[in-house]
Each structure stands twice: as structure tokens, then as C-alpha cells.
């Protein structure tokens, strides 16, 4: 099975409105920032539970 996209699929994707494409970009960015925040918060929580504090 080939993972290459056909020319029709590429042209259809390029015809989508700019606001929709930018919306996807912003959504993915927000999702990645949120995921990073969650991971960092969990790491901080575990470090505090282990007695590793800055003060």
C-alpha cells in the first residue's frame, strides 16, 4: 500500500480556505503547548513529592 497522495487530493487540500488551514495550524500548536504544560506539571508534581524543591 502506497502512502503517496494523488494529485487530486493535494489540489483539494490546497482549495480549502486560508482560515481553515490556519485554524488547523493554531489548533495543533495549542494542543502541543497544552501537552507540554501537562507533562511539565506532572514532572514538577513528582519532583515536589520526592522532596526536590528550590527553597
PDB file of N, CA and C in Angstrom:
ATOM      1  N   UNK A   1       0.841  -1.180   0.000  1.00  0.00           N
ATOM      2  CA  UNK A   1       0.000   0.000   0.000  1.00  0.00           C
ATOM      3  C   UNK A   1       0.888   1.246   0.000  1.00  0.00           C
ATOM      4  N   UNK A   2       0.636   2.169  -0.893  1.00  0.00           N
ATOM      5  CA  UNK A   2       1.445   3.370  -1.028  1.00  0.00           C
ATOM      6  C   UNK A   2       0.864   4.502  -0.183  1.00  0.00           C
ATOM      7  N   UNK A   3       1.745   5.265   0.446  1.00  0.00           N
ATOM      8  CA  UNK A   3       1.314   6.397   1.267  1.00  0.00           C
ATOM      9  C   UNK A   3       1.330   7.709   0.495  1.00  0.00           C
ATOM     10  N   UNK A   4       1.630   7.668  -0.796  1.00  0.00           N
ATOM     11  CA  UNK A   4       1.672   8.893  -1.588  1.00  0.00           C
ATOM     12  C   UNK A   4       0.257   9.360  -1.892  1.00  0.00           C
ATOM     13  N   UNK A   5       0.082  10.670  -1.826  1.00  0.00           N
ATOM     14  CA  UNK A   5      -1.219  11.262  -2.115  1.00  0.00           C
ATOM     15  C   UNK A   5      -1.354  11.526  -3.611  1.00  0.00           C
ATOM     16  N   UNK A   6      -2.554  11.409  -4.108  1.00  0.00           N
ATOM     17  CA  UNK A   6      -2.781  11.675  -5.521  1.00  0.00           C
ATOM     18  C   UNK A   6      -2.832  13.181  -5.761  1.00  0.00           C
ATOM     19  N   UNK A   7      -2.680  13.554  -6.996  1.00  0.00           N
ATOM     20  CA  UNK A   7      -2.701  14.967  -7.366  1.00  0.00           C
ATOM     21  C   UNK A   7      -4.052  15.589  -7.019  1.00  0.00           C
ATOM     22  N   UNK A   8      -5.134  14.828  -7.175  1.00  0.00           N
ATOM     23  CA  UNK A   8      -6.460  15.357  -6.862  1.00  0.00           C
ATOM     24  C   UNK A   8      -6.594  15.654  -5.359  1.00  0.00           C
ATOM     25  N   UNK A   9      -6.040  14.800  -4.519  1.00  0.00           N
ATOM     26  CA  UNK A   9      -6.102  15.029  -3.071  1.00  0.00           C
ATOM     27  C   UNK A   9      -5.312  16.269  -2.675  1.00  0.00           C
ATOM     28  N   UNK A  10      -4.155  16.453  -3.289  1.00  0.00           N
ATOM     29  CA  UNK A  10      -3.331  17.627  -2.990  1.00  0.00           C
ATOM     30  C   UNK A  10      -4.036  18.897  -3.443  1.00  0.00           C
ATOM     31  N   UNK A  11      -4.607  18.875  -4.638  1.00  0.00           N
ATOM     32  CA  UNK A  11      -5.315  20.058  -5.143  1.00  0.00           C
ATOM     33  C   UNK A  11      -6.537  20.365  -4.286  1.00  0.00           C
ATOM     34  N   UNK A  12      -7.235  19.340  -3.819  1.00  0.00           N
ATOM     35  CA  UNK A  12      -8.401  19.557  -2.963  1.00  0.00           C
ATOM     36  C   UNK A  12      -7.988  20.189  -1.646  1.00  0.00           C
ATOM     37  N   UNK A  13      -6.854  19.767  -1.096  1.00  0.00           N
ATOM     38  CA  UNK A  13      -6.368  20.336   0.163  1.00  0.00           C
ATOM     39  C   UNK A  13      -5.960  21.790  -0.027  1.00  0.00           C
ATOM     40  N   UNK A  14      -5.393  22.117  -1.180  1.00  0.00           N
ATOM     41  CA  UNK A  14      -4.980  23.494  -1.441  1.00  0.00           C
ATOM     42  C   UNK A  14      -6.165  24.417  -1.674  1.00  0.00           C
ATOM     43  N   UNK A  15      -7.335  23.878  -2.011  1.00  0.00           N
ATOM     44  CA  UNK A  15      -8.514  24.695  -2.267  1.00  0.00           C
ATOM     45  C   UNK A  15      -9.241  25.069  -0.980  1.00  0.00           C
ATOM     46  N   UNK A  16      -8.850  24.482   0.139  1.00  0.00           N
ATOM     47  CA  UNK A  16      -9.508  24.813   1.410  1.00  0.00           C
ATOM     48  C   UNK A  16      -9.218  26.276   1.736  1.00  0.00           C
ATOM     49  N   UNK A  17     -10.139  26.943   2.408  1.00  0.00           N
ATOM     50  CA  UNK A  17      -9.920  28.354   2.745  1.00  0.00           C
ATOM     51  C   UNK A  17      -8.710  28.545   3.662  1.00  0.00           C
ATOM     52  N   UNK A  18      -8.100  29.715   3.544  1.00  0.00           N
ATOM     53  CA  UNK A  18      -6.927  30.024   4.351  1.00  0.00           C
ATOM     54  C   UNK A  18      -7.261  29.973   5.835  1.00  0.00           C
ATOM     55  N   UNK A  19      -8.427  30.490   6.228  1.00  0.00           N
ATOM     56  CA  UNK A  19      -8.774  30.499   7.653  1.00  0.00           C
ATOM     57  C   UNK A  19      -8.874  29.088   8.206  1.00  0.00           C
ATOM     58  N   UNK A  20      -9.310  28.140   7.370  1.00  0.00           N
ATOM     59  CA  UNK A  20      -9.435  26.758   7.828  1.00  0.00           C
ATOM     60  C   UNK A  20      -8.052  26.123   8.005  1.00  0.00           C
ATOM     61  N   UNK A  21      -7.158  26.391   7.067  1.00  0.00           N
ATOM     62  CA  UNK A  21      -5.799  25.852   7.180  1.00  0.00           C
ATOM     63  C   UNK A  21      -5.071  26.478   8.363  1.00  0.00           C
ATOM     64  N   UNK A  22      -5.246  27.794   8.572  1.00  0.00           N
ATOM     65  CA  UNK A  22      -4.622  28.449   9.723  1.00  0.00           C
ATOM     66  C   UNK A  22      -5.245  27.967  11.031  1.00  0.00           C
ATOM     67  N   UNK A  23      -6.535  27.644  11.000  1.00  0.00           N
ATOM     68  CA  UNK A  23      -7.205  27.108  12.182  1.00  0.00           C
ATOM     69  C   UNK A  23      -6.603  25.775  12.602  1.00  0.00           C
ATOM     70  N   UNK A  24      -6.331  24.919  11.629  1.00  0.00           N
ATOM     71  CA  UNK A  24      -5.685  23.642  11.938  1.00  0.00           C
ATOM     72  C   UNK A  24      -4.303  23.876  12.525  1.00  0.00           C
ATOM     73  N   UNK A  25      -3.555  24.788  11.935  1.00  0.00           N
ATOM     74  CA  UNK A  25      -2.221  25.099  12.433  1.00  0.00           C
ATOM     75  C   UNK A  25      -2.284  25.593  13.869  1.00  0.00           C
ATOM     76  N   UNK A  26      -3.198  26.517  14.155  1.00  0.00           N
ATOM     77  CA  UNK A  26      -3.344  27.047  15.510  1.00  0.00           C
ATOM     78  C   UNK A  26      -3.804  25.964  16.480  1.00  0.00           C
ATOM     79  N   UNK A  27      -4.716  25.111  16.042  1.00  0.00           N
ATOM     80  CA  UNK A  27      -5.198  24.033  16.905  1.00  0.00           C
ATOM     81  C   UNK A  27      -4.107  23.049  17.276  1.00  0.00           C
ATOM     82  N   UNK A  28      -3.292  22.687  16.303  1.00  0.00           N
ATOM     83  CA  UNK A  28      -2.181  21.773  16.575  1.00  0.00           C
ATOM     84  C   UNK A  28      -1.176  22.429  17.510  1.00  0.00           C
ATOM     85  N   UNK A  29      -0.894  23.722  17.301  1.00  0.00           N
ATOM     86  CA  UNK A  29       0.043  24.436  18.164  1.00  0.00           C
ATOM     87  C   UNK A  29      -0.475  24.501  19.596  1.00  0.00           C
ATOM     88  N   UNK A  30      -1.751  24.863  19.765  1.00  0.00           N
ATOM     89  CA  UNK A  30      -2.342  24.934  21.107  1.00  0.00           C
ATOM     90  C   UNK A  30      -2.317  23.559  21.775  1.00  0.00           C
ATOM     91  N   UNK A  31      -2.618  22.528  21.023  1.00  0.00           N
ATOM     92  CA  UNK A  31      -2.588  21.176  21.571  1.00  0.00           C
ATOM     93  C   UNK A  31      -1.196  20.773  22.039  1.00  0.00           C
ATOM     94  N   UNK A  32      -0.179  21.127  21.272  1.00  0.00           N
ATOM     95  CA  UNK A  32       1.181  20.767  21.667  1.00  0.00           C
ATOM     96  C   UNK A  32       1.640  21.562  22.886  1.00  0.00           C
ATOM     97  N   UNK A  33       1.268  22.836  22.963  1.00  0.00           N
ATOM     98  CA  UNK A  33       1.618  23.640  24.138  1.00  0.00           C
ATOM     99  C   UNK A  33       0.903  23.098  25.376  1.00  0.00           C
ATOM    100  N   UNK A  34      -0.355  22.723  25.235  1.00  0.00           N
ATOM    101  CA  UNK A  34      -1.104  22.144  26.352  1.00  0.00           C
ATOM    102  C   UNK A  34      -0.480  20.821  26.803  1.00  0.00           C
ATOM    103  N   UNK A  35      -0.091  19.979  25.870  1.00  0.00           N
ATOM    104  CA  UNK A  35       0.544  18.705  26.218  1.00  0.00           C
ATOM    105  C   UNK A  35       1.860  18.943  26.955  1.00  0.00           C
ATOM    106  N   UNK A  36       2.652  19.904  26.496  1.00  0.00           N
ATOM    107  CA  UNK A  36       3.905  20.228  27.163  1.00  0.00           C
ATOM    108  C   UNK A  36       3.657  20.740  28.570  1.00  0.00           C
ATOM    109  N   UNK A  37       2.628  21.571  28.750  1.00  0.00           N
ATOM    110  CA  UNK A  37       2.284  22.089  30.073  1.00  0.00           C
ATOM    111  C   UNK A  37       1.896  20.954  31.017  1.00  0.00           C
ATOM    112  N   UNK A  38       1.117  19.997  30.525  1.00  0.00           N
ATOM    113  CA  UNK A  38       0.683  18.867  31.355  1.00  0.00           C
ATOM    114  C   UNK A  38       1.884  18.024  31.771  1.00  0.00           C
ATOM    115  N   UNK A  39       2.777  17.714  30.831  1.00  0.00           N
ATOM    116  CA  UNK A  39       3.957  16.910  31.144  1.00  0.00           C
ATOM    117  C   UNK A  39       4.849  17.640  32.145  1.00  0.00           C
ATOM    118  N   UNK A  40       5.075  18.931  31.931  1.00  0.00           N
ATOM    119  CA  UNK A  40       5.916  19.703  32.842  1.00  0.00           C
ATOM    120  C   UNK A  40       5.287  19.777  34.233  1.00  0.00           C
ATOM    121  N   UNK A  41       3.973  19.940  34.307  1.00  0.00           N
ATOM    122  CA  UNK A  41       3.291  19.995  35.601  1.00  0.00           C
ATOM    123  C   UNK A  41       3.392  18.667  36.343  1.00  0.00           C
ATOM    124  N   UNK A  42       3.232  17.563  35.615  1.00  0.00           N
ATOM    125  CA  UNK A  42       3.372  16.247  36.250  1.00  0.00           C
ATOM    126  C   UNK A  42       4.795  16.022  36.753  1.00  0.00           C
ATOM    127  N   UNK A  43       5.776  16.412  35.964  1.00  0.00           N
ATOM    128  CA  UNK A  43       7.166  16.264  36.408  1.00  0.00           C
ATOM    129  C   UNK A  43       7.428  17.099  37.657  1.00  0.00           C
ATOM    130  N   UNK A  44       6.916  18.313  37.676  1.00  0.00           N
ATOM    131  CA  UNK A  44       7.094  19.181  38.846  1.00  0.00           C
ATOM    132  C   UNK A  44       6.411  18.584  40.070  1.00  0.00           C
ATOM    133  N   UNK A  45       5.207  18.028  39.879  1.00  0.00           N
ATOM    134  CA  UNK A  45       4.480  17.422  40.982  1.00  0.00           C
ATOM    135  C   UNK A  45       5.267  16.233  41.549  1.00  0.00           C
ATOM    136  N   UNK A  46       5.783  15.361  40.672  1.00  0.00           N
ATOM    137  CA  UNK A  46       6.553  14.205  41.134  1.00  0.00           C
ATOM    138  C   UNK A  46       7.859  14.634  41.804  1.00  0.00           C
ATOM    139  N   UNK A  47       8.494  15.658  41.287  1.00  0.00           N
ATOM    140  CA  UNK A  47       9.736  16.131  41.913  1.00  0.00           C
ATOM    141  C   UNK A  47       9.458  16.721  43.292  1.00  0.00           C
ATOM    142  N   UNK A  48       8.366  17.475  43.418  1.00  0.00           N
ATOM    143  CA  UNK A  48       7.994  18.014  44.732  1.00  0.00           C
ATOM    144  C   UNK A  48       7.653  16.893  45.706  1.00  0.00           C
ATOM    145  N   UNK A  49       6.971  15.855  45.217  1.00  0.00           N
ATOM    146  CA  UNK A  49       6.618  14.719  46.081  1.00  0.00           C
ATOM    147  C   UNK A  49       7.864  13.974  46.552  1.00  0.00           C
ATOM    148  N   UNK A  50       8.926  13.993  45.742  1.00  0.00           N
ATOM    149  CA  UNK A  50      10.160  13.309  46.101  1.00  0.00           C
ATOM    150  C   UNK A  50      11.061  14.184  46.980  1.00  0.00           C
ATOM    151  N   UNK A  51      10.616  15.396  47.270  1.00  0.00           N
ATOM    152  CA  UNK A  51      11.400  16.290  48.133  1.00  0.00           C
ATOM    153  C   UNK A  51      12.375  17.162  47.396  1.00  0.00           C
ATOM    154  N   UNK A  52      12.285  17.239  46.096  1.00  0.00           N
ATOM    155  CA  UNK A  52      13.174  18.087  45.318  1.00  0.00           C
ATOM    156  C   UNK A  52      12.523  19.455  45.116  1.00  0.00           C
ATOM    157  N   UNK A  53      12.869  20.391  45.995  1.00  0.00           N
ATOM    158  CA  UNK A  53      12.287  21.732  45.911  1.00  0.00           C
ATOM    159  C   UNK A  53      13.393  22.748  45.710  1.00  0.00           C
ATOM    160  N   UNK A  54      13.033  23.956  45.318  1.00  0.00           N
ATOM    161  CA  UNK A  54      14.001  25.004  45.068  1.00  0.00           C
ATOM    162  C   UNK A  54      14.204  25.915  46.280  1.00  0.00           C
ATOM    163  N   UNK A  55      13.487  25.681  47.347  1.00  0.00           N
ATOM    164  CA  UNK A  55      13.651  26.524  48.531  1.00  0.00           C
ATOM    165  C   UNK A  55      13.859  25.735  49.777  1.00  0.00           C
TER     166      UNK A  55
END
